[in-house]
Amino acid sequence: MLKRGFLLSSTFRCAEEKTTTTAAAADAAEEYDRISALPDEVLHHILSFMHTDTAVRTSILSNRWRHLYKFNPVIDFAPLSFDPRRPVDYNYITQTLNLHRTLKIRKFCVVVRLGWTSLPDIKIWVDFAVARAVRCLRIGLVPFTGSYLELPDSLYTCNTQYIEYMFFSCVDFSPPMSGFMGFASLRTLSLFYSKLTDEVVMEIVSKCLLLEDLTIDKCVGLSTVKIVAPELRLRRFVFRWSFLGEDRIELDVDAPSLVSLKYYGSLSKIRLRKGPCLVEARIFDRGVDETNIGNARALMREISHVKLLGVNSWFPQFVAKQYYA
């Protein structure tokens, strides 16, 4: 009887402890789930710091979270896994966009790998972003395959006055020469491994009056690039030659407000007319010889006042020829 009484006592004690533990867990869960009681605007802000892939997964947490990701003002897809032996499936991105319900988005970012047999739905993606008054548009296509995807006409013809930042790679950036009004709010434009022309660059410089930061990196289709706009607000300019036909690209810069210049190319092909506000200059070339020392001398006169100068092996060669030859 004593043993049986001991067992019953132990059983009741365990049941009581289990009940206490369950109640504590419930209290802890309620305490932990206070985040679900926050307003939608706050939860959308929290989701905006996540990759869209992760934000979609929050829909399984509870009914409260089921549709929140559809109103996320930031769409930022993590890079998809890539196997060069298999076609790339981009349907997940397009299907997610079809479920989205917000009328305006702050940022749209997609970085995908191109396959020889797979092309992303870039026109659908850009149409989606433009229709929702996107402010930051970033579409990165890698790796470079020698082909350039066309951008939809909506990027140039629809209401794009809200776009402040644009980044593209491996695209054919060709706004129409007639009727193109520029991007009224554009402050930063970065083009990598893309196709564009001298005329397009001039259109951008002359019609994007708020442009402050311009990067043209390894783009093709250029011969004489003119950044000539005395009243332009351009403060930072990066230009890097393409590997294709790089020996023939000339650069003419006349931007009095320029603060930072980074140039990767031939000293014989760059002309800097004015640079009174320049603080930083990074100039990289393969060397100095009799064909470009005159240009190097003229360039150094224009950037002699900068506080930060970045150079490579051409500079000691220039000093040796200029002062010790």
C-alpha atoms as a PDB file:
ATOM      1  CA  MET A   1       0.000   0.000   0.000  1.00  0.00           C
ATOM      2  CA  LEU A   2       2.838   2.346   0.827  1.00  0.00           C
ATOM      3  CA  LYS A   3       4.440   1.675  -2.520  1.00  0.00           C
ATOM      4  CA  ARG A   4       1.126   2.202  -4.322  1.00  0.00           C
ATOM      5  CA  GLY A   5       0.536   5.464  -2.468  1.00  0.00           C
ATOM      6  CA  PHE A   6       4.001   6.628  -3.446  1.00  0.00           C
ATOM      7  CA  LEU A   7       3.309   5.867  -7.120  1.00  0.00           C
ATOM      8  CA  LEU A   8      -0.008   7.741  -7.045  1.00  0.00           C
ATOM      9  CA  SER A   9       1.655  10.732  -5.409  1.00  0.00           C
ATOM     10  CA  SER A  10       4.383  10.733  -8.035  1.00  0.00           C
ATOM     11  CA  THR A  11       1.796  10.503 -10.815  1.00  0.00           C
ATOM     12  CA  PHE A  12      -0.182  13.472  -9.474  1.00  0.00           C
ATOM     13  CA  ARG A  13       3.009  15.477  -9.034  1.00  0.00           C
ATOM     14  CA  CYS A  14       4.115  14.752 -12.627  1.00  0.00           C
ATOM     15  CA  ALA A  15       0.667  15.702 -13.943  1.00  0.00           C
ATOM     16  CA  GLU A  16       0.784  18.940 -11.984  1.00  0.00           C
ATOM     17  CA  GLU A  17       4.277  19.724 -13.281  1.00  0.00           C
ATOM     18  CA  LYS A  18       3.155  18.946 -16.843  1.00  0.00           C
ATOM     19  CA  THR A  19       0.158  21.261 -16.487  1.00  0.00           C
ATOM     20  CA  THR A  20       2.405  23.992 -15.109  1.00  0.00           C
ATOM     21  CA  THR A  21       4.889  23.494 -17.954  1.00  0.00           C
ATOM     22  CA  THR A  22       2.108  23.597 -20.563  1.00  0.00           C
ATOM     23  CA  ALA A  23       0.689  26.780 -19.081  1.00  0.00           C
ATOM     24  CA  ALA A  24       4.149  28.334 -18.993  1.00  0.00           C
ATOM     25  CA  ALA A  25       4.710  27.347 -22.611  1.00  0.00           C
ATOM     26  CA  ALA A  26       1.375  28.895 -23.572  1.00  0.00           C
ATOM     27  CA  ASP A  27       2.265  32.089 -21.731  1.00  0.00           C
ATOM     28  CA  ALA A  28       5.662  32.102 -23.423  1.00  0.00           C
ATOM     29  CA  ALA A  29       4.060  31.543 -26.824  1.00  0.00           C
ATOM     30  CA  GLU A  30       1.637  34.383 -26.186  1.00  0.00           C
ATOM     31  CA  GLU A  31       4.519  36.569 -25.045  1.00  0.00           C
ATOM     32  CA  TYR A  32       6.587  35.582 -28.094  1.00  0.00           C
ATOM     33  CA  ASP A  33       3.739  36.169 -30.571  1.00  0.00           C
ATOM     34  CA  ARG A  34       3.246  39.770 -29.593  1.00  0.00           C
ATOM     35  CA  ILE A  35       4.835  40.601 -32.925  1.00  0.00           C
ATOM     36  CA  SER A  36       1.697  39.388 -34.704  1.00  0.00           C
ATOM     37  CA  ALA A  37      -0.306  42.054 -32.896  1.00  0.00           C
ATOM     38  CA  LEU A  38       1.710  44.826 -34.512  1.00  0.00           C
ATOM     39  CA  PRO A  39       0.069  46.939 -37.238  1.00  0.00           C
ATOM     40  CA  ASP A  40       0.382  45.794 -40.835  1.00  0.00           C
ATOM     41  CA  GLU A  41       2.638  48.731 -41.676  1.00  0.00           C
ATOM     42  CA  VAL A  42       5.160  47.626 -39.052  1.00  0.00           C
ATOM     43  CA  LEU A  43       5.087  44.006 -40.199  1.00  0.00           C
ATOM     44  CA  HIS A  44       5.537  45.083 -43.816  1.00  0.00           C
ATOM     45  CA  HIS A  45       8.548  47.103 -42.715  1.00  0.00           C
ATOM     46  CA  ILE A  46      10.001  44.033 -40.991  1.00  0.00           C
ATOM     47  CA  LEU A  47       9.430  41.912 -44.097  1.00  0.00           C
ATOM     48  CA  SER A  48      11.154  44.533 -46.248  1.00  0.00           C
ATOM     49  CA  PHE A  49      14.495  43.540 -44.717  1.00  0.00           C
ATOM     50  CA  MET A  50      14.113  39.940 -45.897  1.00  0.00           C
ATOM     51  CA  HIS A  51      14.690  38.359 -49.270  1.00  0.00           C
ATOM     52  CA  THR A  52      11.318  37.833 -50.906  1.00  0.00           C
ATOM     53  CA  ASP A  53      11.881  34.074 -50.813  1.00  0.00           C
ATOM     54  CA  THR A  54      12.105  34.245 -47.025  1.00  0.00           C
ATOM     55  CA  ALA A  55       9.182  36.647 -46.707  1.00  0.00           C
ATOM     56  CA  VAL A  56       6.956  34.225 -48.639  1.00  0.00           C
ATOM     57  CA  ARG A  57       7.792  31.463 -46.160  1.00  0.00           C
ATOM     58  CA  THR A  58       6.350  33.529 -43.297  1.00  0.00           C
ATOM     59  CA  SER A  59       2.889  32.851 -44.748  1.00  0.00           C
ATOM     60  CA  ILE A  60       2.850  29.455 -42.987  1.00  0.00           C
ATOM     61  CA  LEU A  61       3.250  30.974 -39.508  1.00  0.00           C
ATOM     62  CA  SER A  62      -0.443  31.703 -38.988  1.00  0.00           C
ATOM     63  CA  ASN A  63      -3.509  33.174 -40.645  1.00  0.00           C
ATOM     64  CA  ARG A  64      -2.259  36.596 -39.553  1.00  0.00           C
ATOM     65  CA  TRP A  65       0.858  36.167 -41.689  1.00  0.00           C
ATOM     66  CA  ARG A  66      -0.709  34.329 -44.597  1.00  0.00           C
ATOM     67  CA  HIS A  67      -1.037  37.291 -46.963  1.00  0.00           C
ATOM     68  CA  LEU A  68       1.336  39.858 -45.463  1.00  0.00           C
ATOM     69  CA  TYR A  69       4.160  39.180 -47.922  1.00  0.00           C
ATOM     70  CA  LYS A  70       1.859  40.133 -50.803  1.00  0.00           C
ATOM     71  CA  PHE A  71       1.959  43.749 -49.628  1.00  0.00           C
ATOM     72  CA  ASN A  72       5.700  43.974 -48.994  1.00  0.00           C
ATOM     73  CA  PRO A  73       6.995  47.277 -50.461  1.00  0.00           C
ATOM     74  CA  VAL A  74      10.399  45.697 -51.154  1.00  0.00           C
ATOM     75  CA  ILE A  75      10.833  42.826 -53.607  1.00  0.00           C
ATOM     76  CA  ASP A  76      14.319  41.376 -53.426  1.00  0.00           C
ATOM     77  CA  PHE A  77      14.850  37.843 -54.682  1.00  0.00           C
ATOM     78  CA  ALA A  78      17.879  35.893 -53.516  1.00  0.00           C
ATOM     79  CA  PRO A  79      20.050  34.564 -56.388  1.00  0.00           C
ATOM     80  CA  LEU A  80      18.722  31.259 -57.697  1.00  0.00           C
ATOM     81  CA  SER A  81      20.918  28.178 -57.713  1.00  0.00           C
ATOM     82  CA  PHE A  82      22.424  27.483 -61.106  1.00  0.00           C
ATOM     83  CA  ASP A  83      23.467  24.312 -62.873  1.00  0.00           C
ATOM     84  CA  PRO A  84      24.965  24.954 -66.345  1.00  0.00           C
ATOM     85  CA  ARG A  85      23.837  21.491 -67.445  1.00  0.00           C
ATOM     86  CA  ARG A  86      20.157  22.190 -66.820  1.00  0.00           C
ATOM     87  CA  PRO A  87      17.675  24.857 -67.917  1.00  0.00           C
ATOM     88  CA  VAL A  88      17.051  27.630 -65.409  1.00  0.00           C
ATOM     89  CA  ASP A  89      13.488  27.874 -64.108  1.00  0.00           C
ATOM     90  CA  TYR A  90      12.387  31.458 -63.456  1.00  0.00           C
ATOM     91  CA  ASN A  91       8.694  30.631 -63.001  1.00  0.00           C
ATOM     92  CA  TYR A  92       8.958  31.004 -59.238  1.00  0.00           C
ATOM     93  CA  ILE A  93       9.756  34.698 -59.571  1.00  0.00           C
ATOM     94  CA  THR A  94       6.973  35.430 -62.046  1.00  0.00           C
ATOM     95  CA  GLN A  95       4.414  33.445 -60.042  1.00  0.00           C
ATOM     96  CA  THR A  96       5.325  35.332 -56.871  1.00  0.00           C
ATOM     97  CA  LEU A  97       4.859  38.646 -58.660  1.00  0.00           C
ATOM     98  CA  ASN A  98       1.429  37.543 -59.881  1.00  0.00           C
ATOM     99  CA  LEU A  99       0.361  37.140 -56.243  1.00  0.00           C
ATOM    100  CA  HIS A 100       1.604  40.561 -55.172  1.00  0.00           C
ATOM    101  CA  ARG A 101      -1.069  43.099 -54.261  1.00  0.00           C
ATOM    102  CA  THR A 102       0.691  46.304 -53.247  1.00  0.00           C
ATOM    103  CA  LEU A 103       0.129  49.308 -55.501  1.00  0.00           C
ATOM    104  CA  LYS A 104       3.555  50.861 -54.930  1.00  0.00           C
ATOM    105  CA  ILE A 105       6.970  49.369 -54.231  1.00  0.00           C
ATOM    106  CA  ARG A 106      10.163  51.029 -53.092  1.00  0.00           C
ATOM    107  CA  LYS A 107      12.637  48.495 -54.429  1.00  0.00           C
ATOM    108  CA  PHE A 108      12.680  45.701 -56.986  1.00  0.00           C
ATOM    109  CA  CYS A 109      15.826  43.574 -57.120  1.00  0.00           C
ATOM    110  CA  VAL A 110      16.469  40.374 -59.065  1.00  0.00           C
ATOM    111  CA  VAL A 111      19.863  38.780 -59.695  1.00  0.00           C
ATOM    112  CA  VAL A 112      19.692  35.670 -61.862  1.00  0.00           C
ATOM    113  CA  ARG A 113      22.090  33.526 -63.817  1.00  0.00           C
ATOM    114  CA  LEU A 114      21.636  33.226 -67.531  1.00  0.00           C
ATOM    115  CA  GLY A 115      21.644  29.856 -69.230  1.00  0.00           C
ATOM    116  CA  TRP A 116      22.240  29.237 -72.907  1.00  0.00           C
ATOM    117  CA  THR A 117      18.777  27.679 -73.156  1.00  0.00           C
ATOM    118  CA  SER A 118      17.029  29.761 -70.495  1.00  0.00           C
ATOM    119  CA  LEU A 119      15.988  33.399 -70.662  1.00  0.00           C
ATOM    120  CA  PRO A 120      14.381  35.208 -67.715  1.00  0.00           C
ATOM    121  CA  ASP A 121      11.055  37.017 -68.031  1.00  0.00           C
ATOM    122  CA  ILE A 122      12.792  40.374 -67.765  1.00  0.00           C
ATOM    123  CA  LYS A 123      10.069  42.245 -69.663  1.00  0.00           C
ATOM    124  CA  ILE A 124       7.388  40.964 -67.293  1.00  0.00           C
ATOM    125  CA  TRP A 125       9.514  41.902 -64.285  1.00  0.00           C
ATOM    126  CA  VAL A 126      10.230  45.438 -65.490  1.00  0.00           C
ATOM    127  CA  ASP A 127       6.581  45.980 -66.482  1.00  0.00           C
ATOM    128  CA  PHE A 128       5.567  44.891 -62.982  1.00  0.00           C
ATOM    129  CA  ALA A 129       8.010  47.266 -61.285  1.00  0.00           C
ATOM    130  CA  VAL A 130       7.221  50.264 -63.480  1.00  0.00           C
ATOM    131  CA  ALA A 131       3.469  49.802 -63.030  1.00  0.00           C
ATOM    132  CA  ARG A 132       4.002  50.091 -59.267  1.00  0.00           C
ATOM    133  CA  ALA A 133       6.027  53.311 -59.342  1.00  0.00           C
ATOM    134  CA  VAL A 134       9.249  51.616 -58.258  1.00  0.00           C
ATOM    135  CA  ARG A 135      11.980  53.895 -56.914  1.00  0.00           C
ATOM    136  CA  CYS A 136      14.920  51.483 -56.948  1.00  0.00           C
ATOM    137  CA  LEU A 137      15.150  49.062 -59.893  1.00  0.00           C
ATOM    138  CA  ARG A 138      17.996  46.554 -59.929  1.00  0.00           C
ATOM    139  CA  ILE A 139      18.172  43.657 -62.403  1.00  0.00           C
ATOM    140  CA  GLY A 140      21.452  41.788 -62.568  1.00  0.00           C
ATOM    141  CA  LEU A 141      22.001  39.093 -65.173  1.00  0.00           C
ATOM    142  CA  VAL A 142      25.104  36.908 -64.819  1.00  0.00           C
ATOM    143  CA  PRO A 143      27.321  35.563 -66.179  1.00  0.00           C
ATOM    144  CA  PHE A 144      28.058  37.568 -69.297  1.00  0.00           C
ATOM    145  CA  THR A 145      27.311  35.392 -72.341  1.00  0.00           C
ATOM    146  CA  GLY A 146      27.635  37.915 -75.162  1.00  0.00           C
ATOM    147  CA  SER A 147      23.878  38.322 -75.578  1.00  0.00           C
ATOM    148  CA  TYR A 148      21.897  41.312 -74.375  1.00  0.00           C
ATOM    149  CA  LEU A 149      18.274  41.088 -73.285  1.00  0.00           C
ATOM    150  CA  GLU A 150      15.920  43.798 -74.479  1.00  0.00           C
ATOM    151  CA  LEU A 151      14.145  45.951 -71.946  1.00  0.00           C
ATOM    152  CA  PRO A 152      10.412  46.611 -72.419  1.00  0.00           C
ATOM    153  CA  ASP A 153       9.172  49.885 -73.863  1.00  0.00           C
ATOM    154  CA  SER A 154       7.363  50.553 -70.593  1.00  0.00           C
ATOM    155  CA  LEU A 155      10.681  51.523 -69.001  1.00  0.00           C
ATOM    156  CA  TYR A 156      11.013  54.454 -71.391  1.00  0.00           C
ATOM    157  CA  THR A 157       7.448  55.369 -72.274  1.00  0.00           C
ATOM    158  CA  CYS A 158       5.385  54.819 -69.127  1.00  0.00           C
ATOM    159  CA  ASN A 159       5.299  56.904 -65.978  1.00  0.00           C
ATOM    160  CA  THR A 160       8.833  56.398 -64.643  1.00  0.00           C
ATOM    161  CA  GLN A 161       9.183  59.724 -62.877  1.00  0.00           C
ATOM    162  CA  TYR A 162       9.595  57.990 -59.510  1.00  0.00           C
ATOM    163  CA  ILE A 163      12.686  55.922 -60.387  1.00  0.00           C
ATOM    164  CA  GLU A 164      15.697  57.215 -58.461  1.00  0.00           C
ATOM    165  CA  TYR A 165      18.113  54.306 -58.851  1.00  0.00           C
ATOM    166  CA  MET A 166      18.633  51.899 -61.778  1.00  0.00           C
ATOM    167  CA  PHE A 167      21.121  49.050 -62.138  1.00  0.00           C
ATOM    168  CA  PHE A 168      21.239  46.745 -65.156  1.00  0.00           C
ATOM    169  CA  SER A 169      23.683  44.204 -66.506  1.00  0.00           C
ATOM    170  CA  CYS A 170      23.664  42.276 -69.789  1.00  0.00           C
ATOM    171  CA  VAL A 171      20.805  44.318 -71.263  1.00  0.00           C
ATOM    172  CA  ASP A 172      20.238  46.332 -74.410  1.00  0.00           C
ATOM    173  CA  PHE A 173      19.639  49.808 -72.999  1.00  0.00           C
ATOM    174  CA  SER A 174      18.028  51.577 -75.958  1.00  0.00           C
ATOM    175  CA  PRO A 175      15.483  54.279 -75.160  1.00  0.00           C
ATOM    176  CA  PRO A 176      13.747  55.684 -78.255  1.00  0.00           C
ATOM    177  CA  MET A 177      15.489  58.693 -79.733  1.00  0.00           C
ATOM    178  CA  SER A 178      12.148  60.408 -80.346  1.00  0.00           C
ATOM    179  CA  GLY A 179       9.751  61.027 -77.510  1.00  0.00           C
ATOM    180  CA  PHE A 180      12.109  59.964 -74.723  1.00  0.00           C
ATOM    181  CA  MET A 181      11.697  62.464 -71.898  1.00  0.00           C
ATOM    182  CA  GLY A 182      14.341  61.052 -69.595  1.00  0.00           C
ATOM    183  CA  PHE A 183      13.885  59.931 -66.012  1.00  0.00           C
ATOM    184  CA  ALA A 184      12.791  62.945 -64.012  1.00  0.00           C
ATOM    185  CA  SER A 185      13.904  61.671 -60.578  1.00  0.00           C
ATOM    186  CA  LEU A 186      16.844  59.463 -61.570  1.00  0.00           C
ATOM    187  CA  ARG A 187      19.907  60.047 -59.385  1.00  0.00           C
ATOM    188  CA  THR A 188      21.952  56.881 -59.940  1.00  0.00           C
ATOM    189  CA  LEU A 189      22.387  54.845 -63.131  1.00  0.00           C
ATOM    190  CA  SER A 190      24.721  51.839 -63.342  1.00  0.00           C
ATOM    191  CA  LEU A 191      25.149  49.807 -66.525  1.00  0.00           C
ATOM    192  CA  PHE A 192      27.402  46.745 -66.595  1.00  0.00           C
ATOM    193  CA  TYR A 193      28.224  44.525 -69.584  1.00  0.00           C
ATOM    194  CA  SER A 194      25.388  46.154 -71.475  1.00  0.00           C
ATOM    195  CA  LYS A 195      24.779  47.431 -74.970  1.00  0.00           C
ATOM    196  CA  LEU A 196      24.260  51.133 -75.566  1.00  0.00           C
ATOM    197  CA  THR A 197      25.307  53.836 -77.987  1.00  0.00           C
ATOM    198  CA  ASP A 198      26.964  57.239 -77.819  1.00  0.00           C
ATOM    199  CA  GLU A 199      23.611  58.850 -78.623  1.00  0.00           C
ATOM    200  CA  VAL A 200      21.933  57.073 -75.708  1.00  0.00           C
ATOM    201  CA  VAL A 201      24.586  58.350 -73.309  1.00  0.00           C
ATOM    202  CA  MET A 202      24.047  61.902 -74.558  1.00  0.00           C
ATOM    203  CA  GLU A 203      20.269  61.532 -74.162  1.00  0.00           C
ATOM    204  CA  ILE A 204      20.675  60.356 -70.579  1.00  0.00           C
ATOM    205  CA  VAL A 205      23.097  63.131 -69.695  1.00  0.00           C
ATOM    206  CA  SER A 206      20.960  65.857 -71.252  1.00  0.00           C
ATOM    207  CA  LYS A 207      17.529  64.682 -70.058  1.00  0.00           C
ATOM    208  CA  CYS A 208      18.150  63.214 -66.593  1.00  0.00           C
ATOM    209  CA  LEU A 209      18.781  66.520 -64.895  1.00  0.00           C
ATOM    210  CA  LEU A 210      19.012  65.148 -61.336  1.00  0.00           C
ATOM    211  CA  LEU A 211      21.570  62.466 -62.229  1.00  0.00           C
ATOM    212  CA  GLU A 212      24.410  62.459 -59.691  1.00  0.00           C
ATOM    213  CA  ASP A 213      26.042  59.049 -60.088  1.00  0.00           C
ATOM    214  CA  LEU A 214      26.764  57.400 -63.465  1.00  0.00           C
ATOM    215  CA  THR A 215      28.597  54.109 -64.061  1.00  0.00           C
ATOM    216  CA  ILE A 216      29.350  52.686 -67.512  1.00  0.00           C
ATOM    217  CA  ASP A 217      31.277  49.477 -66.981  1.00  0.00           C
ATOM    218  CA  LYS A 218      32.453  47.225 -69.836  1.00  0.00           C
ATOM    219  CA  CYS A 219      29.598  48.243 -72.110  1.00  0.00           C
ATOM    220  CA  VAL A 220      29.691  47.697 -75.877  1.00  0.00           C
ATOM    221  CA  GLY A 221      28.492  49.750 -78.827  1.00  0.00           C
ATOM    222  CA  LEU A 222      30.392  52.900 -77.831  1.00  0.00           C
ATOM    223  CA  SER A 223      32.970  54.874 -79.796  1.00  0.00           C
ATOM    224  CA  THR A 224      32.952  58.491 -78.568  1.00  0.00           C
ATOM    225  CA  VAL A 225      31.355  58.963 -75.165  1.00  0.00           C
ATOM    226  CA  LYS A 226      30.559  62.570 -74.314  1.00  0.00           C
ATOM    227  CA  ILE A 227      29.672  63.565 -70.777  1.00  0.00           C
ATOM    228  CA  VAL A 228      29.188  67.204 -71.671  1.00  0.00           C
ATOM    229  CA  ALA A 229      26.605  68.983 -69.581  1.00  0.00           C
ATOM    230  CA  PRO A 230      27.860  72.070 -67.752  1.00  0.00           C
ATOM    231  CA  GLU A 231      24.634  72.359 -65.744  1.00  0.00           C
ATOM    232  CA  LEU A 232      24.384  68.663 -64.883  1.00  0.00           C
ATOM    233  CA  ARG A 233      24.518  67.727 -61.197  1.00  0.00           C
ATOM    234  CA  LEU A 234      26.757  64.736 -61.949  1.00  0.00           C
ATOM    235  CA  ARG A 235      29.089  64.203 -58.995  1.00  0.00           C
ATOM    236  CA  ARG A 236      30.431  60.666 -59.497  1.00  0.00           C
ATOM    237  CA  PHE A 237      31.378  59.064 -62.801  1.00  0.00           C
ATOM    238  CA  VAL A 238      32.874  55.619 -63.397  1.00  0.00           C
ATOM    239  CA  PHE A 239      33.943  54.471 -66.847  1.00  0.00           C
ATOM    240  CA  ARG A 240      35.604  51.171 -67.646  1.00  0.00           C
ATOM    241  CA  TRP A 241      36.420  49.951 -71.122  1.00  0.00           C
ATOM    242  CA  SER A 242      34.878  46.853 -72.581  1.00  0.00           C
ATOM    243  CA  PHE A 243      37.128  44.028 -73.670  1.00  0.00           C
ATOM    244  CA  LEU A 244      35.558  44.273 -77.136  1.00  0.00           C
ATOM    245  CA  GLY A 245      37.005  47.037 -79.289  1.00  0.00           C
ATOM    246  CA  GLU A 246      38.408  48.872 -76.283  1.00  0.00           C
ATOM    247  CA  ASP A 247      41.209  50.592 -78.203  1.00  0.00           C
ATOM    248  CA  ARG A 248      38.803  52.851 -80.085  1.00  0.00           C
ATOM    249  CA  ILE A 249      36.574  54.242 -77.316  1.00  0.00           C
ATOM    250  CA  GLU A 250      37.139  57.933 -76.617  1.00  0.00           C
ATOM    251  CA  LEU A 251      35.860  59.750 -73.543  1.00  0.00           C
ATOM    252  CA  ASP A 252      35.150  63.471 -73.364  1.00  0.00           C
ATOM    253  CA  VAL A 253      34.166  64.800 -69.925  1.00  0.00           C
ATOM    254  CA  ASP A 254      32.959  68.329 -69.215  1.00  0.00           C
ATOM    255  CA  ALA A 255      31.094  68.213 -65.905  1.00  0.00           C
ATOM    256  CA  PRO A 256      32.057  71.065 -63.561  1.00  0.00           C
ATOM    257  CA  SER A 257      30.194  69.554 -60.587  1.00  0.00           C
ATOM    258  CA  LEU A 258      32.122  66.277 -60.770  1.00  0.00           C
ATOM    259  CA  VAL A 259      33.574  65.250 -57.390  1.00  0.00           C
ATOM    260  CA  SER A 260      34.780  61.709 -58.130  1.00  0.00           C
ATOM    261  CA  LEU A 261      36.155  60.303 -61.402  1.00  0.00           C
ATOM    262  CA  LYS A 262      37.187  56.682 -61.914  1.00  0.00           C
ATOM    263  CA  TYR A 263      38.547  55.798 -65.335  1.00  0.00           C
ATOM    264  CA  TYR A 264      39.861  52.463 -66.543  1.00  0.00           C
ATOM    265  CA  GLY A 265      41.134  52.820 -70.095  1.00  0.00           C
ATOM    266  CA  SER A 266      43.744  54.473 -72.288  1.00  0.00           C
ATOM    267  CA  LEU A 267      45.254  57.809 -71.332  1.00  0.00           C
ATOM    268  CA  SER A 268      45.263  58.710 -75.017  1.00  0.00           C
ATOM    269  CA  LYS A 269      41.470  58.410 -75.190  1.00  0.00           C
ATOM    270  CA  ILE A 270      40.308  60.559 -72.272  1.00  0.00           C
ATOM    271  CA  ARG A 271      39.832  64.308 -72.265  1.00  0.00           C
ATOM    272  CA  LEU A 272      38.854  66.089 -69.066  1.00  0.00           C
ATOM    273  CA  ARG A 273      38.004  69.694 -69.810  1.00  0.00           C
ATOM    274  CA  LYS A 274      37.068  70.989 -66.395  1.00  0.00           C
ATOM    275  CA  GLY A 275      37.303  69.531 -62.930  1.00  0.00           C
ATOM    276  CA  PRO A 276      37.285  72.367 -60.381  1.00  0.00           C
ATOM    277  CA  CYS A 277      35.289  70.367 -57.820  1.00  0.00           C
ATOM    278  CA  LEU A 278      37.191  67.090 -58.189  1.00  0.00           C
ATOM    279  CA  VAL A 279      38.200  65.577 -54.866  1.00  0.00           C
ATOM    280  CA  GLU A 280      38.923  62.011 -55.975  1.00  0.00           C
ATOM    281  CA  ALA A 281      40.452  60.745 -59.224  1.00  0.00           C
ATOM    282  CA  ARG A 282      41.381  57.147 -59.996  1.00  0.00           C
ATOM    283  CA  ILE A 283      43.053  56.679 -63.367  1.00  0.00           C
ATOM    284  CA  PHE A 284      44.193  53.250 -64.535  1.00  0.00           C
ATOM    285  CA  ASP A 285      46.004  52.406 -67.774  1.00  0.00           C
ATOM    286  CA  ARG A 286      48.501  49.827 -68.994  1.00  0.00           C
ATOM    287  CA  GLY A 287      51.401  52.238 -69.390  1.00  0.00           C
ATOM    288  CA  VAL A 288      52.801  55.494 -70.783  1.00  0.00           C
ATOM    289  CA  ASP A 289      54.661  55.871 -74.073  1.00  0.00           C
ATOM    290  CA  GLU A 290      55.241  58.541 -76.691  1.00  0.00           C
ATOM    291  CA  THR A 291      51.700  58.150 -78.030  1.00  0.00           C
ATOM    292  CA  ASN A 292      49.917  59.126 -74.842  1.00  0.00           C
ATOM    293  CA  ILE A 293      52.355  61.088 -72.679  1.00  0.00           C
ATOM    294  CA  GLY A 294      50.934  64.373 -73.982  1.00  0.00           C
ATOM    295  CA  ASN A 295      47.421  63.330 -72.927  1.00  0.00           C
ATOM    296  CA  ALA A 296      48.751  62.172 -69.567  1.00  0.00           C
ATOM    297  CA  ARG A 297      50.383  65.548 -69.048  1.00  0.00           C
ATOM    298  CA  ALA A 298      47.156  67.412 -69.855  1.00  0.00           C
ATOM    299  CA  LEU A 299      45.123  65.117 -67.612  1.00  0.00           C
ATOM    300  CA  MET A 300      47.480  65.601 -64.669  1.00  0.00           C
ATOM    301  CA  ARG A 301      47.093  69.369 -64.972  1.00  0.00           C
ATOM    302  CA  GLU A 302      43.320  69.010 -64.631  1.00  0.00           C
ATOM    303  CA  ILE A 303      43.475  66.731 -61.576  1.00  0.00           C
ATOM    304  CA  SER A 304      46.514  68.187 -59.791  1.00  0.00           C
ATOM    305  CA  HIS A 305      44.322  69.628 -57.031  1.00  0.00           C
ATOM    306  CA  VAL A 306      42.552  66.415 -55.993  1.00  0.00           C
ATOM    307  CA  LYS A 307      42.889  65.143 -52.428  1.00  0.00           C
ATOM    308  CA  LEU A 308      42.736  61.451 -53.330  1.00  0.00           C
ATOM    309  CA  LEU A 309      44.606  60.166 -56.374  1.00  0.00           C
ATOM    310  CA  GLY A 310      44.544  56.516 -57.398  1.00  0.00           C
ATOM    311  CA  VAL A 311      46.909  55.291 -60.124  1.00  0.00           C
ATOM    312  CA  ASN A 312      48.679  52.137 -61.245  1.00  0.00           C
ATOM    313  CA  SER A 313      51.961  51.412 -63.025  1.00  0.00           C
ATOM    314  CA  TRP A 314      51.540  54.146 -65.643  1.00  0.00           C
ATOM    315  CA  PHE A 315      52.145  56.902 -63.098  1.00  0.00           C
ATOM    316  CA  PRO A 316      55.790  56.139 -62.168  1.00  0.00           C
ATOM    317  CA  GLN A 317      56.454  55.709 -65.888  1.00  0.00           C
ATOM    318  CA  PHE A 318      54.959  59.143 -66.480  1.00  0.00           C
ATOM    319  CA  VAL A 319      57.022  60.717 -63.690  1.00  0.00           C
ATOM    320  CA  ALA A 320      60.196  59.141 -65.056  1.00  0.00           C
ATOM    321  CA  LYS A 321      59.546  60.384 -68.606  1.00  0.00           C
ATOM    322  CA  GLN A 322      58.318  63.807 -67.506  1.00  0.00           C
ATOM    323  CA  TYR A 323      60.989  64.731 -64.991  1.00  0.00           C
ATOM    324  CA  TYR A 324      63.957  62.411 -65.427  1.00  0.00           C
ATOM    325  CA  ALA A 325      64.144  61.602 -69.135  1.00  0.00           C
END
